[in-house]
Amino acid sequence: MLADKGYDADRIIMAVLNRGMQPVIGSNPSRTNHYFDMDRELYLERYQVECFLHRIKRFRAVATRYEKTAQNYLAIVHLACAWLWLNVLV
């Protein structure tokens, strides 16, 4: 399970382990005992997804969700992704 620092709680980690999954969760800085037993490659994938979500939320229409319907919001997300993709290629 790939998750953000917001899911770094003992009860969540135990629930993930009880379901037979491997938790890959960034450690919360305020946590006293850090959970470091995770796959480095999976952590890199989690980090890349987190960075992508940060980049896409820089678009105001995506971050504040001005669109009323899910279909229109998805169209805005697609436009933002296309804009980011085109800027990476140039």
PDB file of N, CA and C in Angstrom:
ATOM      1  N   MET A   1       0.838  -1.165   0.000  1.00  0.00           N
ATOM      2  CA  MET A   1       0.000   0.000   0.000  1.00  0.00           C
ATOM      3  C   MET A   1       0.884   1.229   0.000  1.00  0.00           C
ATOM      4  N   LEU A   2       0.736   2.058  -0.985  1.00  0.00           N
ATOM      5  CA  LEU A   2       1.451   3.320  -1.066  1.00  0.00           C
ATOM      6  C   LEU A   2       0.561   4.395  -0.464  1.00  0.00           C
ATOM      7  N   ALA A   3       1.090   5.172   0.471  1.00  0.00           N
ATOM      8  CA  ALA A   3       0.264   6.181   1.123  1.00  0.00           C
ATOM      9  C   ALA A   3       1.107   7.393   1.509  1.00  0.00           C
ATOM     10  N   ASP A   4       0.428   8.461   1.808  1.00  0.00           N
ATOM     11  CA  ASP A   4       1.022   9.725   2.189  1.00  0.00           C
ATOM     12  C   ASP A   4       1.335   9.737   3.687  1.00  0.00           C
ATOM     13  N   LYS A   5       2.045  10.764   4.136  1.00  0.00           N
ATOM     14  CA  LYS A   5       2.395  10.888   5.552  1.00  0.00           C
ATOM     15  C   LYS A   5       1.173  10.996   6.447  1.00  0.00           C
ATOM     16  N   GLY A   6       0.068  11.418   5.896  1.00  0.00           N
ATOM     17  CA  GLY A   6      -1.154  11.538   6.682  1.00  0.00           C
ATOM     18  C   GLY A   6      -1.682  10.195   7.165  1.00  0.00           C
ATOM     19  N   TYR A   7      -1.241   9.113   6.556  1.00  0.00           N
ATOM     20  CA  TYR A   7      -1.683   7.767   6.935  1.00  0.00           C
ATOM     21  C   TYR A   7      -0.666   7.062   7.826  1.00  0.00           C
ATOM     22  N   ASP A   8       0.291   7.805   8.372  1.00  0.00           N
ATOM     23  CA  ASP A   8       1.327   7.229   9.224  1.00  0.00           C
ATOM     24  C   ASP A   8       0.823   7.143  10.663  1.00  0.00           C
ATOM     25  N   ALA A   9       0.000   6.149  10.911  1.00  0.00           N
ATOM     26  CA  ALA A   9      -0.508   5.887  12.263  1.00  0.00           C
ATOM     27  C   ALA A   9      -0.353   4.395  12.529  1.00  0.00           C
ATOM     28  N   ASP A  10      -0.109   4.065  13.791  1.00  0.00           N
ATOM     29  CA  ASP A  10       0.108   2.658  14.148  1.00  0.00           C
ATOM     30  C   ASP A  10      -1.088   1.784  13.778  1.00  0.00           C
ATOM     31  N   ARG A  11      -2.304   2.286  13.993  1.00  0.00           N
ATOM     32  CA  ARG A  11      -3.485   1.470  13.700  1.00  0.00           C
ATOM     33  C   ARG A  11      -3.638   1.232  12.203  1.00  0.00           C
ATOM     34  N   ILE A  12      -3.271   2.197  11.376  1.00  0.00           N
ATOM     35  CA  ILE A  12      -3.362   2.019   9.927  1.00  0.00           C
ATOM     36  C   ILE A  12      -2.298   1.047   9.451  1.00  0.00           C
ATOM     37  N   ILE A  13      -1.080   1.194   9.959  1.00  0.00           N
ATOM     38  CA  ILE A  13       0.000   0.288   9.571  1.00  0.00           C
ATOM     39  C   ILE A  13      -0.328  -1.143   9.981  1.00  0.00           C
ATOM     40  N   MET A  14      -0.883  -1.319  11.171  1.00  0.00           N
ATOM     41  CA  MET A  14      -1.252  -2.671  11.617  1.00  0.00           C
ATOM     42  C   MET A  14      -2.383  -3.252  10.761  1.00  0.00           C
ATOM     43  N   ALA A  15      -3.339  -2.422  10.367  1.00  0.00           N
ATOM     44  CA  ALA A  15      -4.435  -2.901   9.511  1.00  0.00           C
ATOM     45  C   ALA A  15      -3.903  -3.330   8.150  1.00  0.00           C
ATOM     46  N   VAL A  16      -2.944  -2.586   7.627  1.00  0.00           N
ATOM     47  CA  VAL A  16      -2.335  -2.944   6.340  1.00  0.00           C
ATOM     48  C   VAL A  16      -1.574  -4.257   6.463  1.00  0.00           C
ATOM     49  N   LEU A  17      -0.800  -4.406   7.524  1.00  0.00           N
ATOM     50  CA  LEU A  17      -0.042  -5.640   7.732  1.00  0.00           C
ATOM     51  C   LEU A  17      -0.965  -6.842   7.948  1.00  0.00           C
ATOM     52  N   ASN A  18      -2.088  -6.638   8.654  1.00  0.00           N
ATOM     53  CA  ASN A  18      -3.040  -7.728   8.881  1.00  0.00           C
ATOM     54  C   ASN A  18      -3.696  -8.198   7.593  1.00  0.00           C
ATOM     55  N   ARG A  19      -3.790  -7.332   6.610  1.00  0.00           N
ATOM     56  CA  ARG A  19      -4.363  -7.707   5.319  1.00  0.00           C
ATOM     57  C   ARG A  19      -3.325  -8.294   4.378  1.00  0.00           C
ATOM     58  N   GLY A  20      -2.100  -8.444   4.836  1.00  0.00           N
ATOM     59  CA  GLY A  20      -1.052  -9.073   4.035  1.00  0.00           C
ATOM     60  C   GLY A  20      -0.385  -8.147   3.045  1.00  0.00           C
ATOM     61  N   MET A  21      -0.553  -6.860   3.224  1.00  0.00           N
ATOM     62  CA  MET A  21       0.078  -5.886   2.323  1.00  0.00           C
ATOM     63  C   MET A  21       1.336  -5.327   2.965  1.00  0.00           C
ATOM     64  N   GLN A  22       2.170  -4.741   2.120  1.00  0.00           N
ATOM     65  CA  GLN A  22       3.374  -4.091   2.614  1.00  0.00           C
ATOM     66  C   GLN A  22       3.141  -2.589   2.641  1.00  0.00           C
ATOM     67  N   PRO A  23       3.195  -1.942   3.805  1.00  0.00           N
ATOM     68  CA  PRO A  23       2.973  -0.498   3.850  1.00  0.00           C
ATOM     69  C   PRO A  23       4.206   0.267   3.379  1.00  0.00           C
ATOM     70  N   VAL A  24       3.981   1.209   2.485  1.00  0.00           N
ATOM     71  CA  VAL A  24       5.026   2.136   2.050  1.00  0.00           C
ATOM     72  C   VAL A  24       4.464   3.519   2.313  1.00  0.00           C
ATOM     73  N   ILE A  25       4.744   4.020   3.508  1.00  0.00           N
ATOM     74  CA  ILE A  25       4.173   5.276   3.983  1.00  0.00           C
ATOM     75  C   ILE A  25       5.312   6.150   4.475  1.00  0.00           C
ATOM     76  N   GLY A  26       5.346   7.393   4.019  1.00  0.00           N
ATOM     77  CA  GLY A  26       6.353   8.330   4.509  1.00  0.00           C
ATOM     78  C   GLY A  26       6.140   8.601   5.986  1.00  0.00           C
ATOM     79  N   SER A  27       7.226   8.738   6.727  1.00  0.00           N
ATOM     80  CA  SER A  27       7.118   8.962   8.170  1.00  0.00           C
ATOM     81  C   SER A  27       6.742  10.398   8.471  1.00  0.00           C
ATOM     82  N   ASN A  28       5.812  10.552   9.387  1.00  0.00           N
ATOM     83  CA  ASN A  28       5.424  11.869   9.849  1.00  0.00           C
ATOM     84  C   ASN A  28       6.562  12.421  10.715  1.00  0.00           C
ATOM     85  N   PRO A  29       6.971  13.674  10.503  1.00  0.00           N
ATOM     86  CA  PRO A  29       8.093  14.214  11.282  1.00  0.00           C
ATOM     87  C   PRO A  29       7.835  14.253  12.794  1.00  0.00           C
ATOM     88  N   SER A  30       6.586  14.337  13.206  1.00  0.00           N
ATOM     89  CA  SER A  30       6.293  14.397  14.637  1.00  0.00           C
ATOM     90  C   SER A  30       6.265  13.024  15.289  1.00  0.00           C
ATOM     91  N   ARG A  31       6.452  11.984  14.517  1.00  0.00           N
ATOM     92  CA  ARG A  31       6.415  10.604  15.043  1.00  0.00           C
ATOM     93  C   ARG A  31       7.701  10.306  15.809  1.00  0.00           C
ATOM     94  N   THR A  32       7.571   9.671  16.977  1.00  0.00           N
ATOM     95  CA  THR A  32       8.760   9.388  17.789  1.00  0.00           C
ATOM     96  C   THR A  32       9.498   8.155  17.289  1.00  0.00           C
ATOM     97  N   ASN A  33       8.768   7.088  16.939  1.00  0.00           N
ATOM     98  CA  ASN A  33       9.425   5.889  16.408  1.00  0.00           C
ATOM     99  C   ASN A  33       9.060   5.767  14.924  1.00  0.00           C
ATOM    100  N   HIS A  34      10.036   5.921  14.075  1.00  0.00           N
ATOM    101  CA  HIS A  34       9.812   5.916  12.634  1.00  0.00           C
ATOM    102  C   HIS A  34       9.786   4.485  12.104  1.00  0.00           C
ATOM    103  N   TYR A  35       8.957   4.294  11.092  1.00  0.00           N
ATOM    104  CA  TYR A  35       8.809   2.992  10.437  1.00  0.00           C
ATOM    105  C   TYR A  35       9.661   3.021   9.172  1.00  0.00           C
ATOM    106  N   PHE A  36      10.837   2.385   9.191  1.00  0.00           N
ATOM    107  CA  PHE A  36      11.769   2.466   8.077  1.00  0.00           C
ATOM    108  C   PHE A  36      11.900   1.181   7.271  1.00  0.00           C
ATOM    109  N   ASP A  37      11.179   0.150   7.634  1.00  0.00           N
ATOM    110  CA  ASP A  37      11.308  -1.128   6.942  1.00  0.00           C
ATOM    111  C   ASP A  37      10.416  -1.147   5.700  1.00  0.00           C
ATOM    112  N   MET A  38      10.895  -0.492   4.613  1.00  0.00           N
ATOM    113  CA  MET A  38      10.101  -0.462   3.388  1.00  0.00           C
ATOM    114  C   MET A  38      10.994  -0.590   2.164  1.00  0.00           C
ATOM    115  N   ASP A  39      10.374  -1.011   1.083  1.00  0.00           N
ATOM    116  CA  ASP A  39      11.070  -1.207  -0.181  1.00  0.00           C
ATOM    117  C   ASP A  39      11.427   0.151  -0.790  1.00  0.00           C
ATOM    118  N   ARG A  40      12.690   0.335  -1.111  1.00  0.00           N
ATOM    119  CA  ARG A  40      13.170   1.617  -1.628  1.00  0.00           C
ATOM    120  C   ARG A  40      12.552   1.958  -2.984  1.00  0.00           C
ATOM    121  N   GLU A  41      12.389   0.970  -3.854  1.00  0.00           N
ATOM    122  CA  GLU A  41      11.810   1.219  -5.175  1.00  0.00           C
ATOM    123  C   GLU A  41      10.339   1.612  -5.068  1.00  0.00           C
ATOM    124  N   LEU A  42       9.598   0.954  -4.178  1.00  0.00           N
ATOM    125  CA  LEU A  42       8.198   1.322  -3.972  1.00  0.00           C
ATOM    126  C   LEU A  42       8.081   2.715  -3.366  1.00  0.00           C
ATOM    127  N   TYR A  43       8.999   3.062  -2.464  1.00  0.00           N
ATOM    128  CA  TYR A  43       8.983   4.388  -1.868  1.00  0.00           C
ATOM    129  C   TYR A  43       9.241   5.446  -2.938  1.00  0.00           C
ATOM    130  N   LEU A  44      10.124   5.163  -3.888  1.00  0.00           N
ATOM    131  CA  LEU A  44      10.386   6.094  -4.977  1.00  0.00           C
ATOM    132  C   LEU A  44       9.140   6.291  -5.834  1.00  0.00           C
ATOM    133  N   GLU A  45       8.403   5.209  -6.098  1.00  0.00           N
ATOM    134  CA  GLU A  45       7.159   5.335  -6.859  1.00  0.00           C
ATOM    135  C   GLU A  45       6.138   6.172  -6.089  1.00  0.00           C
ATOM    136  N   ARG A  46       6.025   5.953  -4.786  1.00  0.00           N
ATOM    137  CA  ARG A  46       5.113   6.740  -3.968  1.00  0.00           C
ATOM    138  C   ARG A  46       5.487   8.209  -4.008  1.00  0.00           C
ATOM    139  N   TYR A  47       6.762   8.484  -3.944  1.00  0.00           N
ATOM    140  CA  TYR A  47       7.247   9.858  -3.973  1.00  0.00           C
ATOM    141  C   TYR A  47       6.939  10.517  -5.315  1.00  0.00           C
ATOM    142  N   GLN A  48       7.098   9.791  -6.409  1.00  0.00           N
ATOM    143  CA  GLN A  48       6.808  10.344  -7.732  1.00  0.00           C
ATOM    144  C   GLN A  48       5.325  10.663  -7.884  1.00  0.00           C
ATOM    145  N   VAL A  49       4.467   9.807  -7.360  1.00  0.00           N
ATOM    146  CA  VAL A  49       3.025  10.074  -7.416  1.00  0.00           C
ATOM    147  C   VAL A  49       2.700  11.310  -6.586  1.00  0.00           C
ATOM    148  N   GLU A  50       3.312  11.425  -5.406  1.00  0.00           N
ATOM    149  CA  GLU A  50       3.067  12.576  -4.548  1.00  0.00           C
ATOM    150  C   GLU A  50       3.523  13.871  -5.221  1.00  0.00           C
ATOM    151  N   CYS A  51       4.664  13.832  -5.899  1.00  0.00           N
ATOM    152  CA  CYS A  51       5.150  15.012  -6.620  1.00  0.00           C
ATOM    153  C   CYS A  51       4.225  15.382  -7.771  1.00  0.00           C
ATOM    154  N   PHE A  52       3.703  14.360  -8.477  1.00  0.00           N
ATOM    155  CA  PHE A  52       2.776  14.630  -9.566  1.00  0.00           C
ATOM    156  C   PHE A  52       1.502  15.292  -9.042  1.00  0.00           C
ATOM    157  N   LEU A  53       0.969  14.780  -7.933  1.00  0.00           N
ATOM    158  CA  LEU A  53      -0.238  15.379  -7.376  1.00  0.00           C
ATOM    159  C   LEU A  53       0.017  16.816  -6.936  1.00  0.00           C
ATOM    160  N   HIS A  54       1.198  17.093  -6.436  1.00  0.00           N
ATOM    161  CA  HIS A  54       1.547  18.465  -6.069  1.00  0.00           C
ATOM    162  C   HIS A  54       1.576  19.359  -7.309  1.00  0.00           C
ATOM    163  N   ARG A  55       2.172  18.858  -8.401  1.00  0.00           N
ATOM    164  CA  ARG A  55       2.242  19.659  -9.627  1.00  0.00           C
ATOM    165  C   ARG A  55       0.867  19.912 -10.214  1.00  0.00           C
ATOM    166  N   ILE A  56       0.011  18.910 -10.171  1.00  0.00           N
ATOM    167  CA  ILE A  56      -1.312  19.074 -10.774  1.00  0.00           C
ATOM    168  C   ILE A  56      -2.199  19.989  -9.923  1.00  0.00           C
ATOM    169  N   LYS A  57      -1.976  20.020  -8.624  1.00  0.00           N
ATOM    170  CA  LYS A  57      -2.776  20.886  -7.761  1.00  0.00           C
ATOM    171  C   LYS A  57      -2.331  22.341  -7.808  1.00  0.00           C
ATOM    172  N   ARG A  58      -1.252  22.622  -8.522  1.00  0.00           N
ATOM    173  CA  ARG A  58      -0.885  24.025  -8.739  1.00  0.00           C
ATOM    174  C   ARG A  58      -1.883  24.719  -9.650  1.00  0.00           C
ATOM    175  N   PHE A  59      -2.645  23.941 -10.413  1.00  0.00           N
ATOM    176  CA  PHE A  59      -3.698  24.507 -11.237  1.00  0.00           C
ATOM    177  C   PHE A  59      -4.887  24.807 -10.332  1.00  0.00           C
ATOM    178  N   ARG A  60      -5.284  26.052 -10.297  1.00  0.00           N
ATOM    179  CA  ARG A  60      -6.301  26.496  -9.352  1.00  0.00           C
ATOM    180  C   ARG A  60      -7.629  25.774  -9.538  1.00  0.00           C
ATOM    181  N   ALA A  61      -8.010  25.537 -10.783  1.00  0.00           N
ATOM    182  CA  ALA A  61      -9.288  24.872 -11.040  1.00  0.00           C
ATOM    183  C   ALA A  61      -9.282  23.426 -10.537  1.00  0.00           C
ATOM    184  N   VAL A  62      -8.114  22.808 -10.523  1.00  0.00           N
ATOM    185  CA  VAL A  62      -8.023  21.439 -10.014  1.00  0.00           C
ATOM    186  C   VAL A  62      -8.017  21.450  -8.482  1.00  0.00           C
ATOM    187  N   ALA A  63      -7.259  22.345  -7.892  1.00  0.00           N
ATOM    188  CA  ALA A  63      -7.117  22.366  -6.434  1.00  0.00           C
ATOM    189  C   ALA A  63      -8.411  22.761  -5.733  1.00  0.00           C
ATOM    190  N   THR A  64      -9.168  23.700  -6.310  1.00  0.00           N
ATOM    191  CA  THR A  64     -10.371  24.178  -5.631  1.00  0.00           C
ATOM    192  C   THR A  64     -11.641  23.509  -6.124  1.00  0.00           C
ATOM    193  N   ARG A  65     -11.540  22.772  -7.220  1.00  0.00           N
ATOM    194  CA  ARG A  65     -12.664  22.046  -7.819  1.00  0.00           C
ATOM    195  C   ARG A  65     -13.860  22.958  -8.060  1.00  0.00           C
ATOM    196  N   TYR A  66     -13.679  23.886  -9.009  1.00  0.00           N
ATOM    197  CA  TYR A  66     -14.753  24.796  -9.385  1.00  0.00           C
ATOM    198  C   TYR A  66     -15.878  24.084 -10.133  1.00  0.00           C
ATOM    199  N   GLU A  67     -15.555  23.055 -10.877  1.00  0.00           N
ATOM    200  CA  GLU A  67     -16.552  22.380 -11.696  1.00  0.00           C
ATOM    201  C   GLU A  67     -17.546  21.622 -10.816  1.00  0.00           C
ATOM    202  N   LYS A  68     -18.802  21.678 -11.194  1.00  0.00           N
ATOM    203  CA  LYS A  68     -19.851  21.061 -10.377  1.00  0.00           C
ATOM    204  C   LYS A  68     -20.008  19.563 -10.647  1.00  0.00           C
ATOM    205  N   THR A  69     -19.763  19.141 -11.872  1.00  0.00           N
ATOM    206  CA  THR A  69     -19.956  17.727 -12.193  1.00  0.00           C
ATOM    207  C   THR A  69     -18.613  17.015 -12.259  1.00  0.00           C
ATOM    208  N   ALA A  70     -18.635  15.734 -11.983  1.00  0.00           N
ATOM    209  CA  ALA A  70     -17.409  14.933 -12.023  1.00  0.00           C
ATOM    210  C   ALA A  70     -16.842  14.874 -13.437  1.00  0.00           C
ATOM    211  N   GLN A  71     -17.724  14.855 -14.429  1.00  0.00           N
ATOM    212  CA  GLN A  71     -17.272  14.786 -15.820  1.00  0.00           C
ATOM    213  C   GLN A  71     -16.491  16.049 -16.210  1.00  0.00           C
ATOM    214  N   ASN A  72     -16.989  17.212 -15.817  1.00  0.00           N
ATOM    215  CA  ASN A  72     -16.277  18.457 -16.125  1.00  0.00           C
ATOM    216  C   ASN A  72     -14.970  18.563 -15.343  1.00  0.00           C
ATOM    217  N   TYR A  73     -14.979  18.106 -14.092  1.00  0.00           N
ATOM    218  CA  TYR A  73     -13.756  18.132 -13.290  1.00  0.00           C
ATOM    219  C   TYR A  73     -12.695  17.210 -13.894  1.00  0.00           C
ATOM    220  N   LEU A  74     -13.109  16.044 -14.364  1.00  0.00           N
ATOM    221  CA  LEU A  74     -12.174  15.130 -15.006  1.00  0.00           C
ATOM    222  C   LEU A  74     -11.588  15.756 -16.269  1.00  0.00           C
ATOM    223  N   ALA A  75     -12.387  16.510 -16.998  1.00  0.00           N
ATOM    224  CA  ALA A  75     -11.890  17.204 -18.189  1.00  0.00           C
ATOM    225  C   ALA A  75     -10.819  18.226 -17.803  1.00  0.00           C
ATOM    226  N   ILE A  76     -11.017  18.949 -16.713  1.00  0.00           N
ATOM    227  CA  ILE A  76     -10.018  19.914 -16.232  1.00  0.00           C
ATOM    228  C   ILE A  76      -8.739  19.189 -15.814  1.00  0.00           C
ATOM    229  N   VAL A  77      -8.885  18.051 -15.156  1.00  0.00           N
ATOM    230  CA  VAL A  77      -7.710  17.265 -14.756  1.00  0.00           C
ATOM    231  C   VAL A  77      -6.959  16.788 -15.991  1.00  0.00           C
ATOM    232  N   HIS A  78      -7.684  16.357 -17.026  1.00  0.00           N
ATOM    233  CA  HIS A  78      -7.039  15.925 -18.270  1.00  0.00           C
ATOM    234  C   HIS A  78      -6.300  17.083 -18.929  1.00  0.00           C
ATOM    235  N   LEU A  79      -6.898  18.259 -18.933  1.00  0.00           N
ATOM    236  CA  LEU A  79      -6.222  19.435 -19.503  1.00  0.00           C
ATOM    237  C   LEU A  79      -4.953  19.779 -18.720  1.00  0.00           C
ATOM    238  N   ALA A  80      -5.030  19.711 -17.413  1.00  0.00           N
ATOM    239  CA  ALA A  80      -3.854  20.008 -16.593  1.00  0.00           C
ATOM    240  C   ALA A  80      -2.751  18.986 -16.845  1.00  0.00           C
ATOM    241  N   CYS A  81      -3.124  17.709 -16.954  1.00  0.00           N
ATOM    242  CA  CYS A  81      -2.129  16.665 -17.239  1.00  0.00           C
ATOM    243  C   CYS A  81      -1.501  16.870 -18.606  1.00  0.00           C
ATOM    244  N   ALA A  82      -2.312  17.219 -19.592  1.00  0.00           N
ATOM    245  CA  ALA A  82      -1.779  17.466 -20.934  1.00  0.00           C
ATOM    246  C   ALA A  82      -0.830  18.661 -20.923  1.00  0.00           C
ATOM    247  N   TRP A  83      -1.187  19.706 -20.175  1.00  0.00           N
ATOM    248  CA  TRP A  83      -0.328  20.891 -20.083  1.00  0.00           C
ATOM    249  C   TRP A  83       1.024  20.511 -19.447  1.00  0.00           C
ATOM    250  N   LEU A  84       0.985  19.754 -18.380  1.00  0.00           N
ATOM    251  CA  LEU A  84       2.232  19.337 -17.736  1.00  0.00           C
ATOM    252  C   LEU A  84       3.049  18.440 -18.665  1.00  0.00           C
ATOM    253  N   TRP A  85       2.394  17.539 -19.362  1.00  0.00           N
ATOM    254  CA  TRP A  85       3.086  16.631 -20.273  1.00  0.00           C
ATOM    255  C   TRP A  85       3.737  17.402 -21.400  1.00  0.00           C
ATOM    256  N   LEU A  86       3.042  18.385 -21.971  1.00  0.00           N
ATOM    257  CA  LEU A  86       3.613  19.168 -23.064  1.00  0.00           C
ATOM    258  C   LEU A  86       4.777  20.035 -22.594  1.00  0.00           C
ATOM    259  N   ASN A  87       4.699  20.551 -21.391  1.00  0.00           N
ATOM    260  CA  ASN A  87       5.793  21.374 -20.864  1.00  0.00           C
ATOM    261  C   ASN A  87       7.021  20.541 -20.537  1.00  0.00           C
ATOM    262  N   VAL A  88       6.831  19.274 -20.220  1.00  0.00           N
ATOM    263  CA  VAL A  88       7.979  18.394 -19.946  1.00  0.00           C
ATOM    264  C   VAL A  88       8.699  18.061 -21.254  1.00  0.00           C
ATOM    265  N   LEU A  89       7.943  17.890 -22.331  1.00  0.00           N
ATOM    266  CA  LEU A  89       8.534  17.511 -23.604  1.00  0.00           C
ATOM    267  C   LEU A  89       9.265  18.663 -24.277  1.00  0.00           C
ATOM    268  N   VAL A  90       8.899  19.892 -23.965  1.00  0.00           N
ATOM    269  CA  VAL A  90       9.524  21.040 -24.650  1.00  0.00           C
ATOM    270  C   VAL A  90      10.844  21.384 -24.052  1.00  0.00           C
TER     271      VAL A  90
END
